[in-house]
Amino acid sequence: MKKPPVSLQLFSLRTLTKDDFAAAIAPLASHGYAGVETAGYGNLDAAGAAAAIKAAGLACSGQHVSIAALRGDFNKVVCEAHLLGTTNIIVPYFPREMLATAAAARELGRELNELGARLHAHGLQLHYHNHDHEVRTVEGRLILDWMLDVSAPQNLLCQADVYWLHTAGKNPVDFIREQGRRIKLMHFKDEKEIGLGPVDFAPIFDAADSVGALEWQVLEIEKYNHEPLESIRLSIEQFKKWGRC
């Protein structure tokens, strides 16, 4: 079975993109990356980033966009997504202290459902990216479950981050099977480079393949044993050894 293409979450190159976004992403295609997931545009604006991504021979697999941006400048978010050629808008974070109760989680879920419906009308899809705190139990259920239960799947998908699931004590395999086709983008991350930490990737791959909904495998490296560009190269080389690209 053909594997989904591999993208790099550009937070992995944050120390480089802030000074020269275009130069930082230029070698990615030669390593085997098919796309990038943006987290801001470094020293460029959206138009400049779109041009740099195209010049590097890459696609934009998605954008991490704060909920503040969606609330305050919705039309700009839509325009930039169309400019970059992506259909995926991902809310990357919501503060831990603001998700302390089931009621708070449900309130956020309802807001994301509304935002997702508005994005859907523009041909865009909203996703929520988990950290560890959304995977803790409040009032008998996971916070993320409270959020997703009050939203329609067509309005809100889940970008599962396997490292944060593992860190929170939630088996990523169980989570993937529970959420099923709601996971179309997945963050593959480990303690440092891919394959050098505690995450057991083989059963995660099996679970994602069995569901069959995954559209992009998104690698992210937050901590390094090497310089960032070497770390991202080593990580995709490990993916190649595993037959994932």
C-alpha atoms as a PDB file:
ATOM      1  CA  MET A   1       0.000   0.000   0.000  1.00  0.00           C
ATOM      2  CA  LYS A   2       1.308   3.439  -0.931  1.00  0.00           C
ATOM      3  CA  LYS A   3       2.243   5.472   2.126  1.00  0.00           C
ATOM      4  CA  PRO A   4       1.051   9.054   2.648  1.00  0.00           C
ATOM      5  CA  PRO A   5       3.600  11.723   1.724  1.00  0.00           C
ATOM      6  CA  VAL A   6       5.918  13.128   4.375  1.00  0.00           C
ATOM      7  CA  SER A   7       5.835  16.750   5.468  1.00  0.00           C
ATOM      8  CA  LEU A   8       7.974  18.686   7.940  1.00  0.00           C
ATOM      9  CA  GLN A   9       6.426  20.886  10.617  1.00  0.00           C
ATOM     10  CA  LEU A  10       8.560  24.005  10.240  1.00  0.00           C
ATOM     11  CA  PHE A  11       8.740  24.624  13.978  1.00  0.00           C
ATOM     12  CA  SER A  12      11.543  22.072  13.578  1.00  0.00           C
ATOM     13  CA  LEU A  13      13.590  24.725  11.737  1.00  0.00           C
ATOM     14  CA  ARG A  14      12.476  27.724  13.785  1.00  0.00           C
ATOM     15  CA  THR A  15      16.009  28.957  14.477  1.00  0.00           C
ATOM     16  CA  LEU A  16      16.693  29.086  10.722  1.00  0.00           C
ATOM     17  CA  THR A  17      13.397  30.245   9.210  1.00  0.00           C
ATOM     18  CA  LYS A  18      13.365  33.358  11.388  1.00  0.00           C
ATOM     19  CA  ASP A  19      16.354  34.686   9.437  1.00  0.00           C
ATOM     20  CA  ASP A  20      15.970  33.050   6.007  1.00  0.00           C
ATOM     21  CA  PHE A  21      12.822  31.002   5.447  1.00  0.00           C
ATOM     22  CA  ALA A  22      13.627  30.238   1.798  1.00  0.00           C
ATOM     23  CA  ALA A  23      17.165  28.997   2.478  1.00  0.00           C
ATOM     24  CA  ALA A  24      16.019  26.867   5.423  1.00  0.00           C
ATOM     25  CA  ILE A  25      13.482  24.898   3.386  1.00  0.00           C
ATOM     26  CA  ALA A  26      15.493  24.723   0.140  1.00  0.00           C
ATOM     27  CA  PRO A  27      17.127  21.300   0.839  1.00  0.00           C
ATOM     28  CA  LEU A  28      14.018  19.521   2.121  1.00  0.00           C
ATOM     29  CA  ALA A  29      12.836  17.994  -1.156  1.00  0.00           C
ATOM     30  CA  SER A  30      16.280  16.507  -1.785  1.00  0.00           C
ATOM     31  CA  HIS A  31      16.005  14.664   1.540  1.00  0.00           C
ATOM     32  CA  GLY A  32      12.626  13.215   0.594  1.00  0.00           C
ATOM     33  CA  TYR A  33      10.132  15.635   2.107  1.00  0.00           C
ATOM     34  CA  ALA A  34       7.107  16.294  -0.085  1.00  0.00           C
ATOM     35  CA  GLY A  35       5.727  19.198   1.916  1.00  0.00           C
ATOM     36  CA  VAL A  36       5.941  21.558   4.844  1.00  0.00           C
ATOM     37  CA  GLU A  37       3.485  22.512   7.557  1.00  0.00           C
ATOM     38  CA  THR A  38       3.867  26.161   8.431  1.00  0.00           C
ATOM     39  CA  ALA A  39       4.057  27.694  11.891  1.00  0.00           C
ATOM     40  CA  GLY A  40       4.437  31.306  10.824  1.00  0.00           C
ATOM     41  CA  TYR A  41       6.566  32.478   7.918  1.00  0.00           C
ATOM     42  CA  GLY A  42       9.859  33.419   9.526  1.00  0.00           C
ATOM     43  CA  ASN A  43      11.318  36.494   7.846  1.00  0.00           C
ATOM     44  CA  LEU A  44       8.698  36.453   5.057  1.00  0.00           C
ATOM     45  CA  ASP A  45       5.027  37.228   4.647  1.00  0.00           C
ATOM     46  CA  ALA A  46       2.504  34.691   3.351  1.00  0.00           C
ATOM     47  CA  ALA A  47       3.123  35.554  -0.299  1.00  0.00           C
ATOM     48  CA  GLY A  48       6.877  35.231   0.143  1.00  0.00           C
ATOM     49  CA  ALA A  49       6.493  31.923   1.981  1.00  0.00           C
ATOM     50  CA  ALA A  50       4.191  30.569  -0.734  1.00  0.00           C
ATOM     51  CA  ALA A  51       6.760  31.473  -3.390  1.00  0.00           C
ATOM     52  CA  ALA A  52       9.611  29.910  -1.383  1.00  0.00           C
ATOM     53  CA  ILE A  53       7.668  26.681  -0.817  1.00  0.00           C
ATOM     54  CA  LYS A  54       6.893  26.412  -4.533  1.00  0.00           C
ATOM     55  CA  ALA A  55      10.495  27.196  -5.502  1.00  0.00           C
ATOM     56  CA  ALA A  56      11.714  24.443  -3.151  1.00  0.00           C
ATOM     57  CA  GLY A  57       9.511  21.899  -4.950  1.00  0.00           C
ATOM     58  CA  LEU A  58       7.285  21.383  -1.921  1.00  0.00           C
ATOM     59  CA  ALA A  59       3.586  21.484  -1.120  1.00  0.00           C
ATOM     60  CA  CYS A  60       2.056  23.129   1.924  1.00  0.00           C
ATOM     61  CA  SER A  61       0.408  20.277   3.829  1.00  0.00           C
ATOM     62  CA  GLY A  62      -1.191  22.621   6.360  1.00  0.00           C
ATOM     63  CA  GLN A  63      -0.876  25.709   8.507  1.00  0.00           C
ATOM     64  CA  HIS A  64      -0.688  25.991  12.264  1.00  0.00           C
ATOM     65  CA  VAL A  65      -2.872  29.009  13.030  1.00  0.00           C
ATOM     66  CA  SER A  66      -3.682  30.321  16.483  1.00  0.00           C
ATOM     67  CA  ILE A  67      -7.282  30.458  17.596  1.00  0.00           C
ATOM     68  CA  ALA A  68      -6.687  34.175  18.223  1.00  0.00           C
ATOM     69  CA  ALA A  69      -6.000  34.627  14.490  1.00  0.00           C
ATOM     70  CA  LEU A  70      -9.150  32.700  13.575  1.00  0.00           C
ATOM     71  CA  ARG A  71     -11.181  34.795  15.964  1.00  0.00           C
ATOM     72  CA  GLY A  72      -9.671  38.139  15.045  1.00  0.00           C
ATOM     73  CA  ASP A  73      -8.787  37.932  11.348  1.00  0.00           C
ATOM     74  CA  PHE A  74     -10.720  35.047   9.847  1.00  0.00           C
ATOM     75  CA  ASN A  75     -10.678  36.374   6.285  1.00  0.00           C
ATOM     76  CA  LYS A  76      -6.895  36.764   6.372  1.00  0.00           C
ATOM     77  CA  VAL A  77      -6.500  33.130   7.464  1.00  0.00           C
ATOM     78  CA  VAL A  78      -8.686  31.996   4.563  1.00  0.00           C
ATOM     79  CA  CYS A  79      -6.807  34.138   2.042  1.00  0.00           C
ATOM     80  CA  GLU A  80      -3.400  32.920   3.220  1.00  0.00           C
ATOM     81  CA  ALA A  81      -4.483  29.269   3.070  1.00  0.00           C
ATOM     82  CA  HIS A  82      -5.613  29.722  -0.524  1.00  0.00           C
ATOM     83  CA  LEU A  83      -2.385  31.553  -1.325  1.00  0.00           C
ATOM     84  CA  LEU A  84      -0.323  28.684   0.089  1.00  0.00           C
ATOM     85  CA  GLY A  85      -2.455  26.087  -1.652  1.00  0.00           C
ATOM     86  CA  THR A  86      -3.412  24.160   1.463  1.00  0.00           C
ATOM     87  CA  THR A  87      -6.829  23.052   2.668  1.00  0.00           C
ATOM     88  CA  ASN A  88      -5.722  22.278   6.230  1.00  0.00           C
ATOM     89  CA  ILE A  89      -5.887  24.781   9.085  1.00  0.00           C
ATOM     90  CA  ILE A  90      -4.642  23.441  12.412  1.00  0.00           C
ATOM     91  CA  VAL A  91      -5.163  25.066  15.809  1.00  0.00           C
ATOM     92  CA  PRO A  92      -1.912  24.079  17.539  1.00  0.00           C
ATOM     93  CA  TYR A  93      -2.563  24.907  21.174  1.00  0.00           C
ATOM     94  CA  PHE A  94      -5.055  26.041  23.770  1.00  0.00           C
ATOM     95  CA  PRO A  95      -3.897  26.934  27.306  1.00  0.00           C
ATOM     96  CA  ARG A  96      -3.991  24.160  29.889  1.00  0.00           C
ATOM     97  CA  GLU A  97      -5.536  26.359  32.549  1.00  0.00           C
ATOM     98  CA  MET A  98      -8.465  27.189  30.255  1.00  0.00           C
ATOM     99  CA  LEU A  99      -9.372  23.506  29.831  1.00  0.00           C
ATOM    100  CA  ALA A 100      -9.775  22.594  33.481  1.00  0.00           C
ATOM    101  CA  THR A 101     -13.397  21.411  33.285  1.00  0.00           C
ATOM    102  CA  ALA A 102     -15.675  19.459  30.974  1.00  0.00           C
ATOM    103  CA  ALA A 103     -17.740  22.611  30.490  1.00  0.00           C
ATOM    104  CA  ALA A 104     -14.690  24.556  29.321  1.00  0.00           C
ATOM    105  CA  ALA A 105     -13.686  21.780  26.950  1.00  0.00           C
ATOM    106  CA  ARG A 106     -17.192  21.608  25.509  1.00  0.00           C
ATOM    107  CA  GLU A 107     -17.287  25.387  25.084  1.00  0.00           C
ATOM    108  CA  LEU A 108     -14.039  25.270  23.102  1.00  0.00           C
ATOM    109  CA  GLY A 109     -15.356  22.341  21.062  1.00  0.00           C
ATOM    110  CA  ARG A 110     -18.482  24.279  20.139  1.00  0.00           C
ATOM    111  CA  GLU A 111     -16.437  27.321  19.108  1.00  0.00           C
ATOM    112  CA  LEU A 112     -14.109  25.187  16.979  1.00  0.00           C
ATOM    113  CA  ASN A 113     -17.130  23.510  15.407  1.00  0.00           C
ATOM    114  CA  GLU A 114     -18.473  26.921  14.395  1.00  0.00           C
ATOM    115  CA  LEU A 115     -15.104  28.072  13.060  1.00  0.00           C
ATOM    116  CA  GLY A 116     -14.699  24.775  11.224  1.00  0.00           C
ATOM    117  CA  ALA A 117     -18.101  25.162   9.570  1.00  0.00           C
ATOM    118  CA  ARG A 118     -17.129  28.627   8.377  1.00  0.00           C
ATOM    119  CA  LEU A 119     -13.807  27.325   7.024  1.00  0.00           C
ATOM    120  CA  HIS A 120     -15.571  24.413   5.354  1.00  0.00           C
ATOM    121  CA  ALA A 121     -17.642  26.886   3.370  1.00  0.00           C
ATOM    122  CA  HIS A 122     -14.337  28.163   1.898  1.00  0.00           C
ATOM    123  CA  GLY A 123     -13.088  24.680   1.015  1.00  0.00           C
ATOM    124  CA  LEU A 124     -10.909  24.425   4.134  1.00  0.00           C
ATOM    125  CA  GLN A 125     -10.734  21.874   6.937  1.00  0.00           C
ATOM    126  CA  LEU A 126     -10.106  22.644  10.613  1.00  0.00           C
ATOM    127  CA  HIS A 127      -7.986  20.351  12.788  1.00  0.00           C
ATOM    128  CA  TYR A 128      -6.992  20.513  16.472  1.00  0.00           C
ATOM    129  CA  HIS A 129      -3.476  19.464  17.468  1.00  0.00           C
ATOM    130  CA  ASN A 130      -3.153  17.837  20.878  1.00  0.00           C
ATOM    131  CA  HIS A 131      -0.510  18.236  23.532  1.00  0.00           C
ATOM    132  CA  ASP A 132      -0.490  16.196  26.719  1.00  0.00           C
ATOM    133  CA  HIS A 133      -2.985  18.252  28.709  1.00  0.00           C
ATOM    134  CA  GLU A 134      -5.908  17.609  26.344  1.00  0.00           C
ATOM    135  CA  VAL A 135      -5.391  13.879  26.910  1.00  0.00           C
ATOM    136  CA  ARG A 136      -5.890  13.977  30.677  1.00  0.00           C
ATOM    137  CA  THR A 137      -9.139  12.910  32.256  1.00  0.00           C
ATOM    138  CA  VAL A 138     -11.599  15.480  33.594  1.00  0.00           C
ATOM    139  CA  GLU A 139     -14.964  14.447  34.982  1.00  0.00           C
ATOM    140  CA  GLY A 140     -14.518  10.910  33.763  1.00  0.00           C
ATOM    141  CA  ARG A 141     -13.474  11.548  30.161  1.00  0.00           C
ATOM    142  CA  LEU A 142     -10.549  12.883  28.174  1.00  0.00           C
ATOM    143  CA  ILE A 143     -10.659  16.630  27.637  1.00  0.00           C
ATOM    144  CA  LEU A 144     -10.238  16.023  23.915  1.00  0.00           C
ATOM    145  CA  ASP A 145     -13.270  13.724  23.918  1.00  0.00           C
ATOM    146  CA  TRP A 146     -15.391  16.453  25.510  1.00  0.00           C
ATOM    147  CA  MET A 147     -14.231  18.806  22.735  1.00  0.00           C
ATOM    148  CA  LEU A 148     -14.765  16.456  19.833  1.00  0.00           C
ATOM    149  CA  ASP A 149     -18.129  15.169  21.010  1.00  0.00           C
ATOM    150  CA  VAL A 150     -19.793  18.564  20.538  1.00  0.00           C
ATOM    151  CA  SER A 151     -18.331  19.100  17.061  1.00  0.00           C
ATOM    152  CA  ALA A 152     -19.194  17.464  13.750  1.00  0.00           C
ATOM    153  CA  PRO A 153     -16.371  15.480  12.084  1.00  0.00           C
ATOM    154  CA  GLN A 154     -16.703  17.544   8.916  1.00  0.00           C
ATOM    155  CA  ASN A 155     -16.081  20.686  10.979  1.00  0.00           C
ATOM    156  CA  LEU A 156     -13.304  19.518  13.309  1.00  0.00           C
ATOM    157  CA  LEU A 157     -10.671  16.856  12.785  1.00  0.00           C
ATOM    158  CA  CYS A 158      -7.885  15.829  15.134  1.00  0.00           C
ATOM    159  CA  GLN A 159      -4.186  16.157  14.333  1.00  0.00           C
ATOM    160  CA  ALA A 160      -2.859  13.450  16.628  1.00  0.00           C
ATOM    161  CA  ASP A 161       0.629  14.047  18.021  1.00  0.00           C
ATOM    162  CA  VAL A 162       1.961  10.613  18.931  1.00  0.00           C
ATOM    163  CA  TYR A 163       4.719  11.888  21.235  1.00  0.00           C
ATOM    164  CA  TRP A 164       2.328  13.949  23.350  1.00  0.00           C
ATOM    165  CA  LEU A 165      -0.118  11.048  23.499  1.00  0.00           C
ATOM    166  CA  HIS A 166       2.688   8.809  24.736  1.00  0.00           C
ATOM    167  CA  THR A 167       3.863  11.435  27.236  1.00  0.00           C
ATOM    168  CA  ALA A 168       0.320  11.754  28.599  1.00  0.00           C
ATOM    169  CA  GLY A 169       0.117   7.993  29.151  1.00  0.00           C
ATOM    170  CA  LYS A 170      -2.397   7.424  26.351  1.00  0.00           C
ATOM    171  CA  ASN A 171      -1.524   4.588  23.978  1.00  0.00           C
ATOM    172  CA  PRO A 172      -1.341   6.237  20.517  1.00  0.00           C
ATOM    173  CA  VAL A 173      -2.650   3.045  18.906  1.00  0.00           C
ATOM    174  CA  ASP A 174      -5.789   3.117  21.047  1.00  0.00           C
ATOM    175  CA  PHE A 175      -6.283   6.807  20.283  1.00  0.00           C
ATOM    176  CA  ILE A 176      -5.924   6.295  16.531  1.00  0.00           C
ATOM    177  CA  ARG A 177      -8.494   3.500  16.595  1.00  0.00           C
ATOM    178  CA  GLU A 178     -10.882   5.549  18.744  1.00  0.00           C
ATOM    179  CA  GLN A 179     -10.730   8.619  16.496  1.00  0.00           C
ATOM    180  CA  GLY A 180     -10.533   6.659  13.256  1.00  0.00           C
ATOM    181  CA  ARG A 181     -11.091   8.726  10.137  1.00  0.00           C
ATOM    182  CA  ARG A 182     -10.999  11.939  12.121  1.00  0.00           C
ATOM    183  CA  ILE A 183      -7.199  11.763  11.917  1.00  0.00           C
ATOM    184  CA  LYS A 184      -6.049  12.836   8.453  1.00  0.00           C
ATOM    185  CA  LEU A 185      -2.859  14.568   9.599  1.00  0.00           C
ATOM    186  CA  MET A 186      -0.566  13.032  12.200  1.00  0.00           C
ATOM    187  CA  HIS A 187       2.515  14.408  13.964  1.00  0.00           C
ATOM    188  CA  PHE A 188       5.298  11.862  14.215  1.00  0.00           C
ATOM    189  CA  LYS A 189       7.648  13.043  16.924  1.00  0.00           C
ATOM    190  CA  ASP A 190       9.979  11.485  19.484  1.00  0.00           C
ATOM    191  CA  GLU A 191      12.120  12.663  22.389  1.00  0.00           C
ATOM    192  CA  LYS A 192      14.700  13.989  19.927  1.00  0.00           C
ATOM    193  CA  GLU A 193      15.195  12.742  16.360  1.00  0.00           C
ATOM    194  CA  ILE A 194      12.704  10.167  15.120  1.00  0.00           C
ATOM    195  CA  GLY A 195      13.553   6.725  16.469  1.00  0.00           C
ATOM    196  CA  LEU A 196      15.784   7.915  19.321  1.00  0.00           C
ATOM    197  CA  GLY A 197      13.164   8.108  22.048  1.00  0.00           C
ATOM    198  CA  PRO A 198      10.501   6.089  23.832  1.00  0.00           C
ATOM    199  CA  VAL A 199       7.790   6.117  21.162  1.00  0.00           C
ATOM    200  CA  ASP A 200       7.107   2.706  19.590  1.00  0.00           C
ATOM    201  CA  PHE A 201       6.307   3.648  16.013  1.00  0.00           C
ATOM    202  CA  ALA A 202       5.673   0.249  14.372  1.00  0.00           C
ATOM    203  CA  PRO A 203       2.210  -0.372  15.924  1.00  0.00           C
ATOM    204  CA  ILE A 204       1.315   3.280  15.310  1.00  0.00           C
ATOM    205  CA  PHE A 205       2.021   2.855  11.607  1.00  0.00           C
ATOM    206  CA  ASP A 206      -0.038  -0.348  11.557  1.00  0.00           C
ATOM    207  CA  ALA A 207      -2.988   1.359  13.253  1.00  0.00           C
ATOM    208  CA  ALA A 208      -2.893   4.386  10.936  1.00  0.00           C
ATOM    209  CA  ASP A 209      -2.633   2.153   7.858  1.00  0.00           C
ATOM    210  CA  SER A 210      -5.531  -0.024   9.010  1.00  0.00           C
ATOM    211  CA  VAL A 211      -7.783   3.045   9.385  1.00  0.00           C
ATOM    212  CA  GLY A 212      -6.638   4.309   5.985  1.00  0.00           C
ATOM    213  CA  ALA A 213      -7.547   7.975   6.469  1.00  0.00           C
ATOM    214  CA  LEU A 214      -4.071   9.488   6.846  1.00  0.00           C
ATOM    215  CA  GLU A 215      -3.251  12.056   4.155  1.00  0.00           C
ATOM    216  CA  TRP A 216       0.067  13.417   5.459  1.00  0.00           C
ATOM    217  CA  GLN A 217       2.762  12.067   7.772  1.00  0.00           C
ATOM    218  CA  VAL A 218       4.117  15.194   9.453  1.00  0.00           C
ATOM    219  CA  LEU A 219       7.517  14.937  11.126  1.00  0.00           C
ATOM    220  CA  GLU A 220       8.437  17.332  13.911  1.00  0.00           C
ATOM    221  CA  ILE A 221      11.709  17.596  15.795  1.00  0.00           C
ATOM    222  CA  GLU A 222      11.699  19.885  18.824  1.00  0.00           C
ATOM    223  CA  LYS A 223      14.980  18.813  20.435  1.00  0.00           C
ATOM    224  CA  TYR A 224      18.165  17.911  18.629  1.00  0.00           C
ATOM    225  CA  ASN A 225      21.280  15.794  18.923  1.00  0.00           C
ATOM    226  CA  HIS A 226      22.653  17.600  15.852  1.00  0.00           C
ATOM    227  CA  GLU A 227      22.199  20.848  13.966  1.00  0.00           C
ATOM    228  CA  PRO A 228      18.540  21.256  12.926  1.00  0.00           C
ATOM    229  CA  LEU A 229      19.029  20.479   9.227  1.00  0.00           C
ATOM    230  CA  GLU A 230      20.980  17.331  10.084  1.00  0.00           C
ATOM    231  CA  SER A 231      18.318  16.275  12.568  1.00  0.00           C
ATOM    232  CA  ILE A 232      15.537  16.605  10.033  1.00  0.00           C
ATOM    233  CA  ARG A 233      17.622  14.656   7.496  1.00  0.00           C
ATOM    234  CA  LEU A 234      18.318  11.844   9.956  1.00  0.00           C
ATOM    235  CA  SER A 235      14.659  11.676  10.918  1.00  0.00           C
ATOM    236  CA  ILE A 236      13.404  11.166   7.380  1.00  0.00           C
ATOM    237  CA  GLU A 237      16.213   8.694   6.732  1.00  0.00           C
ATOM    238  CA  GLN A 238      14.791   6.655   9.620  1.00  0.00           C
ATOM    239  CA  PHE A 239      11.358   6.906   7.994  1.00  0.00           C
ATOM    240  CA  LYS A 240      12.876   5.535   4.788  1.00  0.00           C
ATOM    241  CA  LYS A 241      14.435   2.612   6.678  1.00  0.00           C
ATOM    242  CA  TRP A 242      10.988   1.823   8.057  1.00  0.00           C
ATOM    243  CA  GLY A 243       9.533   1.906   4.539  1.00  0.00           C
ATOM    244  CA  ARG A 244       7.353   4.954   5.264  1.00  0.00           C
ATOM    245  CA  CYS A 245       8.512   6.950   2.247  1.00  0.00           C
END
